[in-house]
Amino acid sequence: MYSSVLVTVPNMSTAKKIGRSLVERRLAACVNYWAVDSTYRWKGKIVEDDEVAMLFKVAEERYKELERAVLEMHPYEVPCIVRYRIADGHLPYLDWIKESTCVE
């Protein structure tokens, strides 16, 4: 099984640091980045911020390791880390995720 994992961070430099580290460690096959405008409630106030969203492609059995790694590097007190199971997909792509996250 495979998953996509959504993580938001405050800026692109943080995103690239976390993303590269997780791909290098084979915790994710790849990561996509895009700028987002976020509105959320934090400590009783409504906050509007620029953030960067990251979408990781992962093998499900490596998810907990990925989550721990993100938490170690993430600057937020309560970061968004949300896993979405991939129900189906292009088989060669799913095989590539498996190969890219395989621990040798």
PDB file of N, CA and C in Angstrom:
ATOM      1  N   MET A   1       0.833  -1.186   0.000  1.00  0.00           N
ATOM      2  CA  MET A   1       0.000   0.000   0.000  1.00  0.00           C
ATOM      3  C   MET A   1       0.878   1.250   0.000  1.00  0.00           C
ATOM      4  N   TYR A   2       0.301   2.302  -0.515  1.00  0.00           N
ATOM      5  CA  TYR A   2       1.012   3.566  -0.649  1.00  0.00           C
ATOM      6  C   TYR A   2       0.153   4.696  -0.124  1.00  0.00           C
ATOM      7  N   SER A   3       0.809   5.794   0.222  1.00  0.00           N
ATOM      8  CA  SER A   3       0.104   6.961   0.736  1.00  0.00           C
ATOM      9  C   SER A   3       0.713   8.227   0.174  1.00  0.00           C
ATOM     10  N   SER A   4      -0.097   9.282   0.179  1.00  0.00           N
ATOM     11  CA  SER A   4       0.384  10.643  -0.001  1.00  0.00           C
ATOM     12  C   SER A   4       0.291  11.294   1.367  1.00  0.00           C
ATOM     13  N   VAL A   5       1.268  12.112   1.704  1.00  0.00           N
ATOM     14  CA  VAL A   5       1.281  12.774   3.001  1.00  0.00           C
ATOM     15  C   VAL A   5       1.391  14.276   2.775  1.00  0.00           C
ATOM     16  N   LEU A   6       0.420  15.013   3.310  1.00  0.00           N
ATOM     17  CA  LEU A   6       0.392  16.466   3.203  1.00  0.00           C
ATOM     18  C   LEU A   6       1.028  17.070   4.447  1.00  0.00           C
ATOM     19  N   VAL A   7       1.980  17.973   4.226  1.00  0.00           N
ATOM     20  CA  VAL A   7       2.646  18.698   5.312  1.00  0.00           C
ATOM     21  C   VAL A   7       2.695  20.162   4.891  1.00  0.00           C
ATOM     22  N   THR A   8       2.408  21.078   5.816  1.00  0.00           N
ATOM     23  CA  THR A   8       2.581  22.498   5.517  1.00  0.00           C
ATOM     24  C   THR A   8       3.689  23.056   6.397  1.00  0.00           C
ATOM     25  N   VAL A   9       4.439  23.999   5.835  1.00  0.00           N
ATOM     26  CA  VAL A   9       5.565  24.640   6.516  1.00  0.00           C
ATOM     27  C   VAL A   9       5.531  26.140   6.231  1.00  0.00           C
ATOM     28  N   PRO A  10       6.310  26.932   6.984  1.00  0.00           N
ATOM     29  CA  PRO A  10       6.206  28.385   6.832  1.00  0.00           C
ATOM     30  C   PRO A  10       6.835  28.970   5.568  1.00  0.00           C
ATOM     31  N   ASN A  11       7.772  28.269   4.941  1.00  0.00           N
ATOM     32  CA  ASN A  11       8.461  28.856   3.783  1.00  0.00           C
ATOM     33  C   ASN A  11       9.139  27.770   2.948  1.00  0.00           C
ATOM     34  N   MET A  12       9.586  28.171   1.750  1.00  0.00           N
ATOM     35  CA  MET A  12      10.168  27.216   0.813  1.00  0.00           C
ATOM     36  C   MET A  12      11.497  26.660   1.313  1.00  0.00           C
ATOM     37  N   SER A  13      12.297  27.450   1.989  1.00  0.00           N
ATOM     38  CA  SER A  13      13.585  26.918   2.452  1.00  0.00           C
ATOM     39  C   SER A  13      13.376  25.792   3.463  1.00  0.00           C
ATOM     40  N   THR A  14      12.410  25.938   4.349  1.00  0.00           N
ATOM     41  CA  THR A  14      12.085  24.863   5.294  1.00  0.00           C
ATOM     42  C   THR A  14      11.556  23.648   4.546  1.00  0.00           C
ATOM     43  N   ALA A  15      10.690  23.886   3.568  1.00  0.00           N
ATOM     44  CA  ALA A  15      10.135  22.788   2.779  1.00  0.00           C
ATOM     45  C   ALA A  15      11.237  22.002   2.079  1.00  0.00           C
ATOM     46  N   LYS A  16      12.152  22.695   1.432  1.00  0.00           N
ATOM     47  CA  LYS A  16      13.225  22.026   0.691  1.00  0.00           C
ATOM     48  C   LYS A  16      14.150  21.259   1.637  1.00  0.00           C
ATOM     49  N   LYS A  17      14.422  21.810   2.805  1.00  0.00           N
ATOM     50  CA  LYS A  17      15.280  21.134   3.781  1.00  0.00           C
ATOM     51  C   LYS A  17      14.631  19.818   4.231  1.00  0.00           C
ATOM     52  N   ILE A  18      13.368  19.873   4.597  1.00  0.00           N
ATOM     53  CA  ILE A  18      12.664  18.674   5.050  1.00  0.00           C
ATOM     54  C   ILE A  18      12.492  17.691   3.890  1.00  0.00           C
ATOM     55  N   GLY A  19      12.051  18.190   2.763  1.00  0.00           N
ATOM     56  CA  GLY A  19      11.800  17.322   1.609  1.00  0.00           C
ATOM     57  C   GLY A  19      13.032  16.576   1.151  1.00  0.00           C
ATOM     58  N   ARG A  20      14.117  17.279   0.995  1.00  0.00           N
ATOM     59  CA  ARG A  20      15.347  16.629   0.540  1.00  0.00           C
ATOM     60  C   ARG A  20      15.815  15.583   1.538  1.00  0.00           C
ATOM     61  N   SER A  21      15.750  15.915   2.815  1.00  0.00           N
ATOM     62  CA  SER A  21      16.185  14.975   3.841  1.00  0.00           C
ATOM     63  C   SER A  21      15.376  13.683   3.794  1.00  0.00           C
ATOM     64  N   LEU A  22      14.060  13.792   3.629  1.00  0.00           N
ATOM     65  CA  LEU A  22      13.227  12.601   3.630  1.00  0.00           C
ATOM     66  C   LEU A  22      13.420  11.750   2.381  1.00  0.00           C
ATOM     67  N   VAL A  23      13.649  12.397   1.245  1.00  0.00           N
ATOM     68  CA  VAL A  23      13.937  11.635   0.025  1.00  0.00           C
ATOM     69  C   VAL A  23      15.312  10.978   0.140  1.00  0.00           C
ATOM     70  N   GLU A  24      16.311  11.711   0.644  1.00  0.00           N
ATOM     71  CA  GLU A  24      17.648  11.125   0.824  1.00  0.00           C
ATOM     72  C   GLU A  24      17.609   9.912   1.741  1.00  0.00           C
ATOM     73  N   ARG A  25      16.769   9.960   2.772  1.00  0.00           N
ATOM     74  CA  ARG A  25      16.655   8.866   3.741  1.00  0.00           C
ATOM     75  C   ARG A  25      15.716   7.761   3.265  1.00  0.00           C
ATOM     76  N   ARG A  26      15.193   7.902   2.048  1.00  0.00           N
ATOM     77  CA  ARG A  26      14.295   6.921   1.425  1.00  0.00           C
ATOM     78  C   ARG A  26      12.980   6.765   2.190  1.00  0.00           C
ATOM     79  N   LEU A  27      12.615   7.789   2.959  1.00  0.00           N
ATOM     80  CA  LEU A  27      11.334   7.779   3.650  1.00  0.00           C
ATOM     81  C   LEU A  27      10.206   8.213   2.715  1.00  0.00           C
ATOM     82  N   ALA A  28      10.563   8.881   1.636  1.00  0.00           N
ATOM     83  CA  ALA A  28       9.609   9.307   0.608  1.00  0.00           C
ATOM     84  C   ALA A  28      10.245   9.095  -0.749  1.00  0.00           C
ATOM     85  N   ALA A  29       9.427   8.737  -1.722  1.00  0.00           N
ATOM     86  CA  ALA A  29       9.922   8.585  -3.083  1.00  0.00           C
ATOM     87  C   ALA A  29      10.143   9.949  -3.724  1.00  0.00           C
ATOM     88  N   CYS A  30       9.254  10.877  -3.423  1.00  0.00           N
ATOM     89  CA  CYS A  30       9.377  12.233  -3.950  1.00  0.00           C
ATOM     90  C   CYS A  30       8.506  13.165  -3.120  1.00  0.00           C
ATOM     91  N   VAL A  31       8.671  14.450  -3.391  1.00  0.00           N
ATOM     92  CA  VAL A  31       7.869  15.465  -2.717  1.00  0.00           C
ATOM     93  C   VAL A  31       7.594  16.592  -3.706  1.00  0.00           C
ATOM     94  N   ASN A  32       6.365  17.094  -3.698  1.00  0.00           N
ATOM     95  CA  ASN A  32       5.992  18.258  -4.498  1.00  0.00           C
ATOM     96  C   ASN A  32       5.778  19.426  -3.554  1.00  0.00           C
ATOM     97  N   TYR A  33       6.091  20.627  -4.043  1.00  0.00           N
ATOM     98  CA  TYR A  33       5.958  21.842  -3.244  1.00  0.00           C
ATOM     99  C   TYR A  33       5.077  22.843  -3.983  1.00  0.00           C
ATOM    100  N   TRP A  34       4.244  23.565  -3.251  1.00  0.00           N
ATOM    101  CA  TRP A  34       3.533  24.698  -3.849  1.00  0.00           C
ATOM    102  C   TRP A  34       3.154  25.692  -2.763  1.00  0.00           C
ATOM    103  N   ALA A  35       3.151  26.956  -3.157  1.00  0.00           N
ATOM    104  CA  ALA A  35       2.797  28.036  -2.230  1.00  0.00           C
ATOM    105  C   ALA A  35       1.289  28.040  -2.012  1.00  0.00           C
ATOM    106  N   VAL A  36       0.873  28.253  -0.760  1.00  0.00           N
ATOM    107  CA  VAL A  36      -0.547  28.309  -0.425  1.00  0.00           C
ATOM    108  C   VAL A  36      -0.805  29.497   0.502  1.00  0.00           C
ATOM    109  N   ASP A  37      -2.013  30.010   0.435  1.00  0.00           N
ATOM    110  CA  ASP A  37      -2.481  31.009   1.388  1.00  0.00           C
ATOM    111  C   ASP A  37      -3.335  30.262   2.407  1.00  0.00           C
ATOM    112  N   SER A  38      -3.021  30.396   3.673  1.00  0.00           N
ATOM    113  CA  SER A  38      -3.718  29.644   4.715  1.00  0.00           C
ATOM    114  C   SER A  38      -4.439  30.576   5.676  1.00  0.00           C
ATOM    115  N   THR A  39      -5.615  30.156   6.091  1.00  0.00           N
ATOM    116  CA  THR A  39      -6.369  30.831   7.146  1.00  0.00           C
ATOM    117  C   THR A  39      -6.695  29.775   8.188  1.00  0.00           C
ATOM    118  N   TYR A  40      -6.350  30.051   9.445  1.00  0.00           N
ATOM    119  CA  TYR A  40      -6.574  29.061  10.495  1.00  0.00           C
ATOM    120  C   TYR A  40      -6.708  29.741  11.849  1.00  0.00           C
ATOM    121  N   ARG A  41      -7.259  28.994  12.788  1.00  0.00           N
ATOM    122  CA  ARG A  41      -7.390  29.494  14.151  1.00  0.00           C
ATOM    123  C   ARG A  41      -6.201  28.962  14.948  1.00  0.00           C
ATOM    124  N   TRP A  42      -5.498  29.869  15.634  1.00  0.00           N
ATOM    125  CA  TRP A  42      -4.360  29.474  16.460  1.00  0.00           C
ATOM    126  C   TRP A  42      -4.375  30.288  17.753  1.00  0.00           C
ATOM    127  N   LYS A  43      -4.453  29.588  18.851  1.00  0.00           N
ATOM    128  CA  LYS A  43      -4.449  30.194  20.189  1.00  0.00           C
ATOM    129  C   LYS A  43      -5.497  31.300  20.305  1.00  0.00           C
ATOM    130  N   GLY A  44      -6.710  30.995  19.803  1.00  0.00           N
ATOM    131  CA  GLY A  44      -7.846  31.888  19.945  1.00  0.00           C
ATOM    132  C   GLY A  44      -7.936  33.001  18.929  1.00  0.00           C
ATOM    133  N   LYS A  45      -7.004  33.065  17.983  1.00  0.00           N
ATOM    134  CA  LYS A  45      -7.021  34.129  16.977  1.00  0.00           C
ATOM    135  C   LYS A  45      -7.090  33.526  15.584  1.00  0.00           C
ATOM    136  N   ILE A  46      -7.690  34.285  14.663  1.00  0.00           N
ATOM    137  CA  ILE A  46      -7.693  33.890  13.260  1.00  0.00           C
ATOM    138  C   ILE A  46      -6.408  34.431  12.634  1.00  0.00           C
ATOM    139  N   VAL A  47      -5.672  33.540  11.993  1.00  0.00           N
ATOM    140  CA  VAL A  47      -4.387  33.889  11.386  1.00  0.00           C
ATOM    141  C   VAL A  47      -4.474  33.657   9.884  1.00  0.00           C
ATOM    142  N   GLU A  48      -3.946  34.593   9.120  1.00  0.00           N
ATOM    143  CA  GLU A  48      -3.802  34.419   7.675  1.00  0.00           C
ATOM    144  C   GLU A  48      -2.319  34.499   7.372  1.00  0.00           C
ATOM    145  N   ASP A  49      -1.811  33.453   6.697  1.00  0.00           N
ATOM    146  CA  ASP A  49      -0.373  33.332   6.471  1.00  0.00           C
ATOM    147  C   ASP A  49      -0.086  32.746   5.099  1.00  0.00           C
ATOM    148  N   ASP A  50       1.081  33.071   4.583  1.00  0.00           N
ATOM    149  CA  ASP A  50       1.620  32.370   3.421  1.00  0.00           C
ATOM    150  C   ASP A  50       2.340  31.141   3.956  1.00  0.00           C
ATOM    151  N   GLU A  51       2.120  30.009   3.318  1.00  0.00           N
ATOM    152  CA  GLU A  51       2.801  28.780   3.692  1.00  0.00           C
ATOM    153  C   GLU A  51       3.217  28.037   2.424  1.00  0.00           C
ATOM    154  N   VAL A  52       3.925  26.957   2.618  1.00  0.00           N
ATOM    155  CA  VAL A  52       4.253  26.052   1.532  1.00  0.00           C
ATOM    156  C   VAL A  52       3.675  24.695   1.889  1.00  0.00           C
ATOM    157  N   ALA A  53       2.919  24.122   0.954  1.00  0.00           N
ATOM    158  CA  ALA A  53       2.376  22.774   1.132  1.00  0.00           C
ATOM    159  C   ALA A  53       3.329  21.798   0.467  1.00  0.00           C
ATOM    160  N   MET A  54       3.477  20.662   1.108  1.00  0.00           N
ATOM    161  CA  MET A  54       4.345  19.603   0.589  1.00  0.00           C
ATOM    162  C   MET A  54       3.496  18.343   0.470  1.00  0.00           C
ATOM    163  N   LEU A  55       3.656  17.617  -0.634  1.00  0.00           N
ATOM    164  CA  LEU A  55       2.951  16.354  -0.812  1.00  0.00           C
ATOM    165  C   LEU A  55       3.981  15.264  -1.076  1.00  0.00           C
ATOM    166  N   PHE A  56       4.140  14.380  -0.085  1.00  0.00           N
ATOM    167  CA  PHE A  56       5.076  13.264  -0.173  1.00  0.00           C
ATOM    168  C   PHE A  56       4.368  12.036  -0.719  1.00  0.00           C
ATOM    169  N   LYS A  57       5.077  11.204  -1.480  1.00  0.00           N
ATOM    170  CA  LYS A  57       4.587   9.889  -1.888  1.00  0.00           C
ATOM    171  C   LYS A  57       5.411   8.871  -1.123  1.00  0.00           C
ATOM    172  N   VAL A  58       4.731   7.999  -0.375  1.00  0.00           N
ATOM    173  CA  VAL A  58       5.433   7.108   0.544  1.00  0.00           C
ATOM    174  C   VAL A  58       4.873   5.692   0.490  1.00  0.00           C
ATOM    175  N   ALA A  59       5.711   4.743   0.866  1.00  0.00           N
ATOM    176  CA  ALA A  59       5.251   3.383   1.121  1.00  0.00           C
ATOM    177  C   ALA A  59       4.634   3.396   2.512  1.00  0.00           C
ATOM    178  N   GLU A  60       3.472   2.790   2.649  1.00  0.00           N
ATOM    179  CA  GLU A  60       2.728   2.878   3.899  1.00  0.00           C
ATOM    180  C   GLU A  60       3.537   2.392   5.110  1.00  0.00           C
ATOM    181  N   GLU A  61       4.355   1.378   4.923  1.00  0.00           N
ATOM    182  CA  GLU A  61       5.114   0.845   6.059  1.00  0.00           C
ATOM    183  C   GLU A  61       6.194   1.795   6.568  1.00  0.00           C
ATOM    184  N   ARG A  62       6.503   2.853   5.806  1.00  0.00           N
ATOM    185  CA  ARG A  62       7.508   3.831   6.233  1.00  0.00           C
ATOM    186  C   ARG A  62       6.876   5.107   6.795  1.00  0.00           C
ATOM    187  N   TYR A  63       5.534   5.151   6.830  1.00  0.00           N
ATOM    188  CA  TYR A  63       4.863   6.391   7.246  1.00  0.00           C
ATOM    189  C   TYR A  63       5.276   6.850   8.649  1.00  0.00           C
ATOM    190  N   LYS A  64       5.281   5.988   9.623  1.00  0.00           N
ATOM    191  CA  LYS A  64       5.593   6.404  11.002  1.00  0.00           C
ATOM    192  C   LYS A  64       7.000   6.967  11.101  1.00  0.00           C
ATOM    193  N   GLU A  65       7.940   6.386  10.363  1.00  0.00           N
ATOM    194  CA  GLU A  65       9.303   6.928  10.338  1.00  0.00           C
ATOM    195  C   GLU A  65       9.315   8.326   9.718  1.00  0.00           C
ATOM    196  N   LEU A  66       8.556   8.494   8.639  1.00  0.00           N
ATOM    197  CA  LEU A  66       8.459   9.805   7.993  1.00  0.00           C
ATOM    198  C   LEU A  66       7.867  10.826   8.955  1.00  0.00           C
ATOM    199  N   GLU A  67       6.803  10.448   9.638  1.00  0.00           N
ATOM    200  CA  GLU A  67       6.158  11.367  10.586  1.00  0.00           C
ATOM    201  C   GLU A  67       7.143  11.800  11.673  1.00  0.00           C
ATOM    202  N   ARG A  68       7.883  10.857  12.230  1.00  0.00           N
ATOM    203  CA  ARG A  68       8.877  11.198  13.263  1.00  0.00           C
ATOM    204  C   ARG A  68       9.942  12.139  12.720  1.00  0.00           C
ATOM    205  N   ALA A  69      10.404  11.874  11.496  1.00  0.00           N
ATOM    206  CA  ALA A  69      11.438  12.717  10.893  1.00  0.00           C
ATOM    207  C   ALA A  69      10.925  14.136  10.664  1.00  0.00           C
ATOM    208  N   VAL A  70       9.676  14.263  10.177  1.00  0.00           N
ATOM    209  CA  VAL A  70       9.102  15.597   9.971  1.00  0.00           C
ATOM    210  C   VAL A  70       9.020  16.324  11.308  1.00  0.00           C
ATOM    211  N   LEU A  71       8.542  15.652  12.336  1.00  0.00           N
ATOM    212  CA  LEU A  71       8.406  16.288  13.659  1.00  0.00           C
ATOM    213  C   LEU A  71       9.754  16.752  14.212  1.00  0.00           C
ATOM    214  N   GLU A  72      10.812  16.017  13.935  1.00  0.00           N
ATOM    215  CA  GLU A  72      12.148  16.413  14.404  1.00  0.00           C
ATOM    216  C   GLU A  72      12.624  17.709  13.761  1.00  0.00           C
ATOM    217  N   MET A  73      12.235  17.941  12.502  1.00  0.00           N
ATOM    218  CA  MET A  73      12.753  19.089  11.752  1.00  0.00           C
ATOM    219  C   MET A  73      11.775  20.237  11.631  1.00  0.00           C
ATOM    220  N   HIS A  74      10.517  20.034  11.953  1.00  0.00           N
ATOM    221  CA  HIS A  74       9.463  21.017  11.692  1.00  0.00           C
ATOM    222  C   HIS A  74       9.476  22.129  12.738  1.00  0.00           C
ATOM    223  N   PRO A  75       9.359  23.398  12.320  1.00  0.00           N
ATOM    224  CA  PRO A  75       9.394  24.504  13.273  1.00  0.00           C
ATOM    225  C   PRO A  75       8.075  24.774  14.005  1.00  0.00           C
ATOM    226  N   TYR A  76       6.945  24.249  13.505  1.00  0.00           N
ATOM    227  CA  TYR A  76       5.663  24.534  14.145  1.00  0.00           C
ATOM    228  C   TYR A  76       5.477  23.718  15.414  1.00  0.00           C
ATOM    229  N   GLU A  77       4.753  24.277  16.357  1.00  0.00           N
ATOM    230  CA  GLU A  77       4.400  23.571  17.587  1.00  0.00           C
ATOM    231  C   GLU A  77       3.462  22.403  17.295  1.00  0.00           C
ATOM    232  N   VAL A  78       2.512  22.614  16.375  1.00  0.00           N
ATOM    233  CA  VAL A  78       1.550  21.575  15.988  1.00  0.00           C
ATOM    234  C   VAL A  78       1.489  21.546  14.457  1.00  0.00           C
ATOM    235  N   PRO A  79       2.398  20.827  13.802  1.00  0.00           N
ATOM    236  CA  PRO A  79       2.414  20.830  12.340  1.00  0.00           C
ATOM    237  C   PRO A  79       1.296  19.990  11.726  1.00  0.00           C
ATOM    238  N   CYS A  80       0.880  20.388  10.538  1.00  0.00           N
ATOM    239  CA  CYS A  80      -0.044  19.591   9.736  1.00  0.00           C
ATOM    240  C   CYS A  80       0.748  18.444   9.119  1.00  0.00           C
ATOM    241  N   ILE A  81       0.418  17.224   9.497  1.00  0.00           N
ATOM    242  CA  ILE A  81       0.971  16.017   8.880  1.00  0.00           C
ATOM    243  C   ILE A  81      -0.221  15.082   8.719  1.00  0.00           C
ATOM    244  N   VAL A  82      -0.698  14.932   7.480  1.00  0.00           N
ATOM    245  CA  VAL A  82      -1.924  14.168   7.227  1.00  0.00           C
ATOM    246  C   VAL A  82      -1.648  13.154   6.119  1.00  0.00           C
ATOM    247  N   ARG A  83      -1.959  11.881   6.408  1.00  0.00           N
ATOM    248  CA  ARG A  83      -1.738  10.813   5.434  1.00  0.00           C
ATOM    249  C   ARG A  83      -3.035  10.482   4.716  1.00  0.00           C
ATOM    250  N   TYR A  84      -2.947  10.308   3.402  1.00  0.00           N
ATOM    251  CA  TYR A  84      -4.071   9.881   2.564  1.00  0.00           C
ATOM    252  C   TYR A  84      -3.658   8.592   1.865  1.00  0.00           C
ATOM    253  N   ARG A  85      -4.351   7.519   2.132  1.00  0.00           N
ATOM    254  CA  ARG A  85      -4.029   6.247   1.480  1.00  0.00           C
ATOM    255  C   ARG A  85      -4.379   6.321  -0.002  1.00  0.00           C
ATOM    256  N   ILE A  86      -3.497   5.806  -0.823  1.00  0.00           N
ATOM    257  CA  ILE A  86      -3.726   5.739  -2.263  1.00  0.00           C
ATOM    258  C   ILE A  86      -4.479   4.445  -2.547  1.00  0.00           C
ATOM    259  N   ALA A  87      -5.722   4.555  -2.966  1.00  0.00           N
ATOM    260  CA  ALA A  87      -6.565   3.387  -3.210  1.00  0.00           C
ATOM    261  C   ALA A  87      -6.172   2.663  -4.490  1.00  0.00           C
ATOM    262  N   ASP A  88      -5.705   3.416  -5.468  1.00  0.00           N
ATOM    263  CA  ASP A  88      -5.366   2.845  -6.758  1.00  0.00           C
ATOM    264  C   ASP A  88      -4.475   3.835  -7.484  1.00  0.00           C
ATOM    265  N   GLY A  89      -3.797   3.387  -8.502  1.00  0.00           N
ATOM    266  CA  GLY A  89      -2.946   4.283  -9.263  1.00  0.00           C
ATOM    267  C   GLY A  89      -2.254   3.559 -10.396  1.00  0.00           C
ATOM    268  N   HIS A  90      -1.506   4.304 -11.168  1.00  0.00           N
ATOM    269  CA  HIS A  90      -0.739   3.770 -12.290  1.00  0.00           C
ATOM    270  C   HIS A  90       0.325   2.831 -11.726  1.00  0.00           C
ATOM    271  N   LEU A  91       0.229   1.537 -12.050  1.00  0.00           N
ATOM    272  CA  LEU A  91       1.078   0.516 -11.434  1.00  0.00           C
ATOM    273  C   LEU A  91       2.577   0.805 -11.564  1.00  0.00           C
ATOM    274  N   PRO A  92       3.082   1.227 -12.719  1.00  0.00           N
ATOM    275  CA  PRO A  92       4.514   1.531 -12.778  1.00  0.00           C
ATOM    276  C   PRO A  92       4.920   2.657 -11.805  1.00  0.00           C
ATOM    277  N   TYR A  93       4.045   3.622 -11.606  1.00  0.00           N
ATOM    278  CA  TYR A  93       4.339   4.694 -10.646  1.00  0.00           C
ATOM    279  C   TYR A  93       4.353   4.147  -9.224  1.00  0.00           C
ATOM    280  N   LEU A  94       3.382   3.318  -8.882  1.00  0.00           N
ATOM    281  CA  LEU A  94       3.340   2.731  -7.545  1.00  0.00           C
ATOM    282  C   LEU A  94       4.553   1.830  -7.311  1.00  0.00           C
ATOM    283  N   ASP A  95       4.966   1.097  -8.337  1.00  0.00           N
ATOM    284  CA  ASP A  95       6.180   0.279  -8.220  1.00  0.00           C
ATOM    285  C   ASP A  95       7.404   1.155  -7.983  1.00  0.00           C
ATOM    286  N   TRP A  96       7.426   2.323  -8.630  1.00  0.00           N
ATOM    287  CA  TRP A  96       8.544   3.256  -8.444  1.00  0.00           C
ATOM    288  C   TRP A  96       8.584   3.769  -7.002  1.00  0.00           C
ATOM    289  N   ILE A  97       7.424   4.051  -6.409  1.00  0.00           N
ATOM    290  CA  ILE A  97       7.386   4.466  -5.000  1.00  0.00           C
ATOM    291  C   ILE A  97       8.007   3.378  -4.134  1.00  0.00           C
ATOM    292  N   LYS A  98       7.597   2.135  -4.368  1.00  0.00           N
ATOM    293  CA  LYS A  98       8.127   1.016  -3.588  1.00  0.00           C
ATOM    294  C   LYS A  98       9.641   0.922  -3.728  1.00  0.00           C
ATOM    295  N   GLU A  99      10.112   0.968  -4.969  1.00  0.00           N
ATOM    296  CA  GLU A  99      11.552   0.867  -5.221  1.00  0.00           C
ATOM    297  C   GLU A  99      12.321   2.024  -4.587  1.00  0.00           C
ATOM    298  N   SER A 100      11.749   3.218  -4.642  1.00  0.00           N
ATOM    299  CA  SER A 100      12.442   4.409  -4.153  1.00  0.00           C
ATOM    300  C   SER A 100      12.478   4.501  -2.632  1.00  0.00           C
ATOM    301  N   THR A 101      11.585   3.788  -1.960  1.00  0.00           N
ATOM    302  CA  THR A 101      11.545   3.854  -0.494  1.00  0.00           C
ATOM    303  C   THR A 101      12.030   2.561   0.149  1.00  0.00           C
ATOM    304  N   CYS A 102      12.536   1.665  -0.660  1.00  0.00           N
ATOM    305  CA  CYS A 102      13.031   0.379  -0.163  1.00  0.00           C
ATOM    306  C   CYS A 102      14.361   0.600   0.559  1.00  0.00           C
ATOM    307  N   VAL A 103      14.471   0.059   1.751  1.00  0.00           N
ATOM    308  CA  VAL A 103      15.715   0.152   2.508  1.00  0.00           C
ATOM    309  C   VAL A 103      16.635  -0.955   2.036  1.00  0.00           C
ATOM    310  N   GLU A 104      17.823  -0.564   1.606  1.00  0.00           N
ATOM    311  CA  GLU A 104      18.776  -1.563   1.096  1.00  0.00           C
ATOM    312  C   GLU A 104      19.716  -2.027   2.165  1.00  0.00           C
TER     313      GLU A 104
END
